[in-house]
């Protein structure tokens, strides 16, 4: 199963996260998050992807 990083970023944005804030939480630049959003990077580093999923899960649990 392939993770749809663009959809995860879109969901985080709907929940009020900016690309800069996502990047800060994941220890990467806003540019790295934007490249994922645009499909220029297909897969993030494992630790980054794991953290983005954690953020999404925490966001959806709160809402």
PDB file of N, CA and C in Angstrom:
ATOM      1  N   UNK A   1       0.843  -1.185   0.000  1.00  0.00           N
ATOM      2  CA  UNK A   1       0.000   0.000   0.000  1.00  0.00           C
ATOM      3  C   UNK A   1       0.886   1.246   0.000  1.00  0.00           C
ATOM      4  N   UNK A   2       0.615   2.158  -0.884  1.00  0.00           N
ATOM      5  CA  UNK A   2       1.408   3.377  -0.987  1.00  0.00           C
ATOM      6  C   UNK A   2       0.721   4.504  -0.221  1.00  0.00           C
ATOM      7  N   UNK A   3       1.499   5.195   0.585  1.00  0.00           N
ATOM      8  CA  UNK A   3       0.979   6.327   1.345  1.00  0.00           C
ATOM      9  C   UNK A   3       0.839   7.531   0.427  1.00  0.00           C
ATOM     10  N   UNK A   4      -0.249   8.238   0.556  1.00  0.00           N
ATOM     11  CA  UNK A   4      -0.506   9.423  -0.258  1.00  0.00           C
ATOM     12  C   UNK A   4      -0.114  10.659   0.552  1.00  0.00           C
ATOM     13  N   UNK A   5       1.147  11.035   0.423  1.00  0.00           N
ATOM     14  CA  UNK A   5       1.681  12.141   1.224  1.00  0.00           C
ATOM     15  C   UNK A   5       0.983  13.451   0.911  1.00  0.00           C
ATOM     16  N   UNK A   6       0.582  13.654  -0.329  1.00  0.00           N
ATOM     17  CA  UNK A   6      -0.111  14.890  -0.698  1.00  0.00           C
ATOM     18  C   UNK A   6      -1.429  15.009   0.066  1.00  0.00           C
ATOM     19  N   UNK A   7      -2.123  13.884   0.230  1.00  0.00           N
ATOM     20  CA  UNK A   7      -3.390  13.893   0.963  1.00  0.00           C
ATOM     21  C   UNK A   7      -3.159  14.135   2.453  1.00  0.00           C
ATOM     22  N   UNK A   8      -2.102  13.561   2.993  1.00  0.00           N
ATOM     23  CA  UNK A   8      -1.787  13.767   4.409  1.00  0.00           C
ATOM     24  C   UNK A   8      -1.480  15.238   4.660  1.00  0.00           C
ATOM     25  N   UNK A   9      -0.681  15.837   3.789  1.00  0.00           N
ATOM     26  CA  UNK A   9      -0.359  17.259   3.937  1.00  0.00           C
ATOM     27  C   UNK A   9      -1.624  18.105   3.811  1.00  0.00           C
ATOM     28  N   UNK A  10      -2.507  17.766   2.884  1.00  0.00           N
ATOM     29  CA  UNK A  10      -3.760  18.507   2.710  1.00  0.00           C
ATOM     30  C   UNK A  10      -4.635  18.402   3.957  1.00  0.00           C
ATOM     31  N   UNK A  11      -4.703  17.214   4.549  1.00  0.00           N
ATOM     32  CA  UNK A  11      -5.497  17.028   5.773  1.00  0.00           C
ATOM     33  C   UNK A  11      -4.912  17.826   6.934  1.00  0.00           C
ATOM     34  N   UNK A  12      -3.592  17.825   7.042  1.00  0.00           N
ATOM     35  CA  UNK A  12      -2.950  18.611   8.097  1.00  0.00           C
ATOM     36  C   UNK A  12      -3.219  20.103   7.891  1.00  0.00           C
ATOM     37  N   UNK A  13      -3.191  20.550   6.637  1.00  0.00           N
ATOM     38  CA  UNK A  13      -3.467  21.959   6.344  1.00  0.00           C
ATOM     39  C   UNK A  13      -4.897  22.312   6.738  1.00  0.00           C
ATOM     40  N   UNK A  14      -5.852  21.428   6.442  1.00  0.00           N
ATOM     41  CA  UNK A  14      -7.252  21.657   6.831  1.00  0.00           C
ATOM     42  C   UNK A  14      -7.389  21.798   8.340  1.00  0.00           C
ATOM     43  N   UNK A  15      -6.529  21.080   9.061  1.00  0.00           N
ATOM     44  CA  UNK A  15      -6.563  21.109  10.527  1.00  0.00           C
ATOM     45  C   UNK A  15      -5.797  22.304  11.092  1.00  0.00           C
ATOM     46  N   UNK A  16      -5.256  23.151  10.207  1.00  0.00           N
ATOM     47  CA  UNK A  16      -4.607  24.369  10.660  1.00  0.00           C
ATOM     48  C   UNK A  16      -3.088  24.352  10.659  1.00  0.00           C
ATOM     49  N   UNK A  17      -2.501  23.255  10.209  1.00  0.00           N
ATOM     50  CA  UNK A  17      -1.040  23.166  10.152  1.00  0.00           C
ATOM     51  C   UNK A  17      -0.526  23.872   8.905  1.00  0.00           C
ATOM     52  N   UNK A  18       0.559  24.617   9.049  1.00  0.00           N
ATOM     53  CA  UNK A  18       1.242  25.200   7.890  1.00  0.00           C
ATOM     54  C   UNK A  18       2.368  24.256   7.476  1.00  0.00           C
ATOM     55  N   UNK A  19       2.860  24.434   6.264  1.00  0.00           N
ATOM     56  CA  UNK A  19       3.999  23.624   5.821  1.00  0.00           C
ATOM     57  C   UNK A  19       5.209  23.873   6.717  1.00  0.00           C
ATOM     58  N   UNK A  20       5.384  25.109   7.149  1.00  0.00           N
ATOM     59  CA  UNK A  20       6.506  25.440   8.030  1.00  0.00           C
ATOM     60  C   UNK A  20       6.387  24.696   9.356  1.00  0.00           C
ATOM     61  N   UNK A  21       5.184  24.669   9.927  1.00  0.00           N
ATOM     62  CA  UNK A  21       4.972  23.986  11.206  1.00  0.00           C
ATOM     63  C   UNK A  21       5.157  22.474  11.063  1.00  0.00           C
ATOM     64  N   UNK A  22       4.660  21.912   9.976  1.00  0.00           N
ATOM     65  CA  UNK A  22       4.848  20.474   9.729  1.00  0.00           C
ATOM     66  C   UNK A  22       6.340  20.175   9.625  1.00  0.00           C
ATOM     67  N   UNK A  23       7.043  20.983   8.848  1.00  0.00           N
ATOM     68  CA  UNK A  23       8.481  20.799   8.690  1.00  0.00           C
ATOM     69  C   UNK A  23       9.218  20.883  10.012  1.00  0.00           C
ATOM     70  N   UNK A  24       8.844  21.863  10.825  1.00  0.00           N
ATOM     71  CA  UNK A  24       9.499  22.035  12.127  1.00  0.00           C
ATOM     72  C   UNK A  24       9.290  20.801  13.002  1.00  0.00           C
ATOM     73  N   UNK A  25       8.079  20.281  13.033  1.00  0.00           N
ATOM     74  CA  UNK A  25       7.784  19.078  13.821  1.00  0.00           C
ATOM     75  C   UNK A  25       8.544  17.859  13.309  1.00  0.00           C
ATOM     76  N   UNK A  26       8.781  17.830  12.004  1.00  0.00           N
ATOM     77  CA  UNK A  26       9.448  16.681  11.375  1.00  0.00           C
ATOM     78  C   UNK A  26      10.956  16.884  11.200  1.00  0.00           C
ATOM     79  N   UNK A  27      11.459  18.028  11.656  1.00  0.00           N
ATOM     80  CA  UNK A  27      12.886  18.358  11.526  1.00  0.00           C
ATOM     81  C   UNK A  27      13.358  18.423  10.073  1.00  0.00           C
ATOM     82  N   UNK A  28      12.501  18.974   9.214  1.00  0.00           N
ATOM     83  CA  UNK A  28      12.870  19.231   7.820  1.00  0.00           C
ATOM     84  C   UNK A  28      12.402  20.639   7.460  1.00  0.00           C
ATOM     85  N   UNK A  29      12.822  21.122   6.324  1.00  0.00           N
ATOM     86  CA  UNK A  29      12.444  22.470   5.897  1.00  0.00           C
ATOM     87  C   UNK A  29      11.022  22.505   5.334  1.00  0.00           C
ATOM     88  N   UNK A  30      10.481  23.715   5.263  1.00  0.00           N
ATOM     89  CA  UNK A  30       9.188  23.915   4.612  1.00  0.00           C
ATOM     90  C   UNK A  30       9.290  23.494   3.160  1.00  0.00           C
ATOM     91  N   UNK A  31      10.450  23.726   2.556  1.00  0.00           N
ATOM     92  CA  UNK A  31      10.676  23.354   1.163  1.00  0.00           C
ATOM     93  C   UNK A  31      10.546  21.845   0.963  1.00  0.00           C
ATOM     94  N   UNK A  32      11.047  21.068   1.916  1.00  0.00           N
ATOM     95  CA  UNK A  32      10.943  19.606   1.817  1.00  0.00           C
ATOM     96  C   UNK A  32       9.481  19.166   1.862  1.00  0.00           C
ATOM     97  N   UNK A  33       8.686  19.815   2.711  1.00  0.00           N
ATOM     98  CA  UNK A  33       7.256  19.495   2.795  1.00  0.00           C
ATOM     99  C   UNK A  33       6.564  19.900   1.495  1.00  0.00           C
ATOM    100  N   UNK A  34       6.922  21.058   0.959  1.00  0.00           N
ATOM    101  CA  UNK A  34       6.332  21.517  -0.297  1.00  0.00           C
ATOM    102  C   UNK A  34       6.666  20.571  -1.445  1.00  0.00           C
ATOM    103  N   UNK A  35       7.891  20.060  -1.486  1.00  0.00           N
ATOM    104  CA  UNK A  35       8.272  19.111  -2.537  1.00  0.00           C
ATOM    105  C   UNK A  35       7.434  17.837  -2.454  1.00  0.00           C
ATOM    106  N   UNK A  36       7.140  17.383  -1.242  1.00  0.00           N
ATOM    107  CA  UNK A  36       6.245  16.225  -1.085  1.00  0.00           C
ATOM    108  C   UNK A  36       4.850  16.565  -1.589  1.00  0.00           C
ATOM    109  N   UNK A  37       4.359  17.737  -1.205  1.00  0.00           N
ATOM    110  CA  UNK A  37       3.016  18.171  -1.607  1.00  0.00           C
ATOM    111  C   UNK A  37       2.878  18.233  -3.123  1.00  0.00           C
ATOM    112  N   UNK A  38       3.935  18.709  -3.784  1.00  0.00           N
ATOM    113  CA  UNK A  38       3.901  18.856  -5.243  1.00  0.00           C
ATOM    114  C   UNK A  38       4.238  17.568  -5.987  1.00  0.00           C
ATOM    115  N   UNK A  39       4.624  16.531  -5.244  1.00  0.00           N
ATOM    116  CA  UNK A  39       4.984  15.270  -5.878  1.00  0.00           C
ATOM    117  C   UNK A  39       6.400  15.251  -6.422  1.00  0.00           C
ATOM    118  N   UNK A  40       7.188  16.278  -6.109  1.00  0.00           N
ATOM    119  CA  UNK A  40       8.576  16.324  -6.576  1.00  0.00           C
ATOM    120  C   UNK A  40       9.440  15.328  -5.811  1.00  0.00           C
ATOM    121  N   UNK A  41       9.044  15.036  -4.582  1.00  0.00           N
ATOM    122  CA  UNK A  41       9.666  13.986  -3.786  1.00  0.00           C
ATOM    123  C   UNK A  41       8.591  12.933  -3.580  1.00  0.00           C
ATOM    124  N   UNK A  42       8.881  11.697  -3.938  1.00  0.00           N
ATOM    125  CA  UNK A  42       7.865  10.642  -3.857  1.00  0.00           C
ATOM    126  C   UNK A  42       7.688  10.102  -2.444  1.00  0.00           C
ATOM    127  N   UNK A  43       8.788   9.931  -1.728  1.00  0.00           N
ATOM    128  CA  UNK A  43       8.742   9.362  -0.382  1.00  0.00           C
ATOM    129  C   UNK A  43       9.661  10.154   0.538  1.00  0.00           C
ATOM    130  N   UNK A  44       9.173  10.511   1.726  1.00  0.00           N
ATOM    131  CA  UNK A  44      10.057  11.165   2.693  1.00  0.00           C
ATOM    132  C   UNK A  44      10.924  10.124   3.402  1.00  0.00           C
ATOM    133  N   UNK A  45      11.902  10.596   4.143  1.00  0.00           N
ATOM    134  CA  UNK A  45      12.665   9.687   5.001  1.00  0.00           C
ATOM    135  C   UNK A  45      11.686   9.010   5.959  1.00  0.00           C
ATOM    136  N   UNK A  46      12.009   7.807   6.379  1.00  0.00           N
ATOM    137  CA  UNK A  46      11.104   7.043   7.240  1.00  0.00           C
ATOM    138  C   UNK A  46      10.678   7.844   8.469  1.00  0.00           C
ATOM    139  N   UNK A  47      11.638   8.475   9.129  1.00  0.00           N
ATOM    140  CA  UNK A  47      11.327   9.220  10.358  1.00  0.00           C
ATOM    141  C   UNK A  47      10.382  10.392  10.082  1.00  0.00           C
ATOM    142  N   UNK A  48      10.528  11.020   8.927  1.00  0.00           N
ATOM    143  CA  UNK A  48       9.663  12.142   8.561  1.00  0.00           C
ATOM    144  C   UNK A  48       8.247  11.641   8.282  1.00  0.00           C
ATOM    145  N   UNK A  49       8.134  10.587   7.512  1.00  0.00           N
ATOM    146  CA  UNK A  49       6.823  10.017   7.218  1.00  0.00           C
ATOM    147  C   UNK A  49       6.114   9.548   8.475  1.00  0.00           C
ATOM    148  N   UNK A  50       6.870   8.922   9.353  1.00  0.00           N
ATOM    149  CA  UNK A  50       6.304   8.439  10.613  1.00  0.00           C
ATOM    150  C   UNK A  50       5.765   9.608  11.439  1.00  0.00           C
ATOM    151  N   UNK A  51       6.520  10.691  11.517  1.00  0.00           N
ATOM    152  CA  UNK A  51       6.100  11.859  12.292  1.00  0.00           C
ATOM    153  C   UNK A  51       4.874  12.517  11.667  1.00  0.00           C
ATOM    154  N   UNK A  52       4.811  12.586  10.335  1.00  0.00           N
ATOM    155  CA  UNK A  52       3.642  13.177   9.676  1.00  0.00           C
ATOM    156  C   UNK A  52       2.391  12.365   9.974  1.00  0.00           C
ATOM    157  N   UNK A  53       2.515  11.052   9.987  1.00  0.00           N
ATOM    158  CA  UNK A  53       1.370  10.196  10.302  1.00  0.00           C
ATOM    159  C   UNK A  53       0.964  10.386  11.762  1.00  0.00           C
ATOM    160  N   UNK A  54       1.949  10.512  12.659  1.00  0.00           N
ATOM    161  CA  UNK A  54       1.645  10.783  14.070  1.00  0.00           C
ATOM    162  C   UNK A  54       0.888  12.105  14.215  1.00  0.00           C
ATOM    163  N   UNK A  55       1.337  13.136  13.506  1.00  0.00           N
ATOM    164  CA  UNK A  55       0.655  14.436  13.554  1.00  0.00           C
ATOM    165  C   UNK A  55      -0.782  14.317  13.059  1.00  0.00           C
ATOM    166  N   UNK A  56      -0.965  13.607  11.956  1.00  0.00           N
ATOM    167  CA  UNK A  56      -2.308  13.430  11.406  1.00  0.00           C
ATOM    168  C   UNK A  56      -3.195  12.679  12.388  1.00  0.00           C
ATOM    169  N   UNK A  57      -2.682  11.603  12.968  1.00  0.00           N
ATOM    170  CA  UNK A  57      -3.466  10.836  13.935  1.00  0.00           C
ATOM    171  C   UNK A  57      -3.833  11.679  15.146  1.00  0.00           C
ATOM    172  N   UNK A  58      -2.890  12.455  15.660  1.00  0.00           N
ATOM    173  CA  UNK A  58      -3.157  13.316  16.813  1.00  0.00           C
ATOM    174  C   UNK A  58      -4.186  14.386  16.457  1.00  0.00           C
ATOM    175  N   UNK A  59      -4.090  14.918  15.247  1.00  0.00           N
ATOM    176  CA  UNK A  59      -5.018  15.952  14.792  1.00  0.00           C
ATOM    177  C   UNK A  59      -6.424  15.399  14.644  1.00  0.00           C
ATOM    178  N   UNK A  60      -6.552  14.207  14.071  1.00  0.00           N
ATOM    179  CA  UNK A  60      -7.883  13.637  13.866  1.00  0.00           C
ATOM    180  C   UNK A  60      -8.483  13.147  15.177  1.00  0.00           C
ATOM    181  N   UNK A  61      -7.657  12.744  16.136  1.00  0.00           N
ATOM    182  CA  UNK A  61      -8.164  12.333  17.446  1.00  0.00           C
ATOM    183  C   UNK A  61      -8.711  13.526  18.213  1.00  0.00           C
ATOM    184  N   UNK A  62      -8.061  14.695  18.059  1.00  0.00           N
ATOM    185  CA  UNK A  62      -8.502  15.902  18.754  1.00  0.00           C
ATOM    186  C   UNK A  62      -9.811  16.426  18.182  1.00  0.00           C
ATOM    187  N   UNK A  63      -9.962  16.302  16.864  1.00  0.00           N
ATOM    188  CA  UNK A  63     -11.122  16.875  16.192  1.00  0.00           C
ATOM    189  C   UNK A  63     -12.277  16.002  16.282  1.00  0.00           C
TER     190      UNK A  63
END
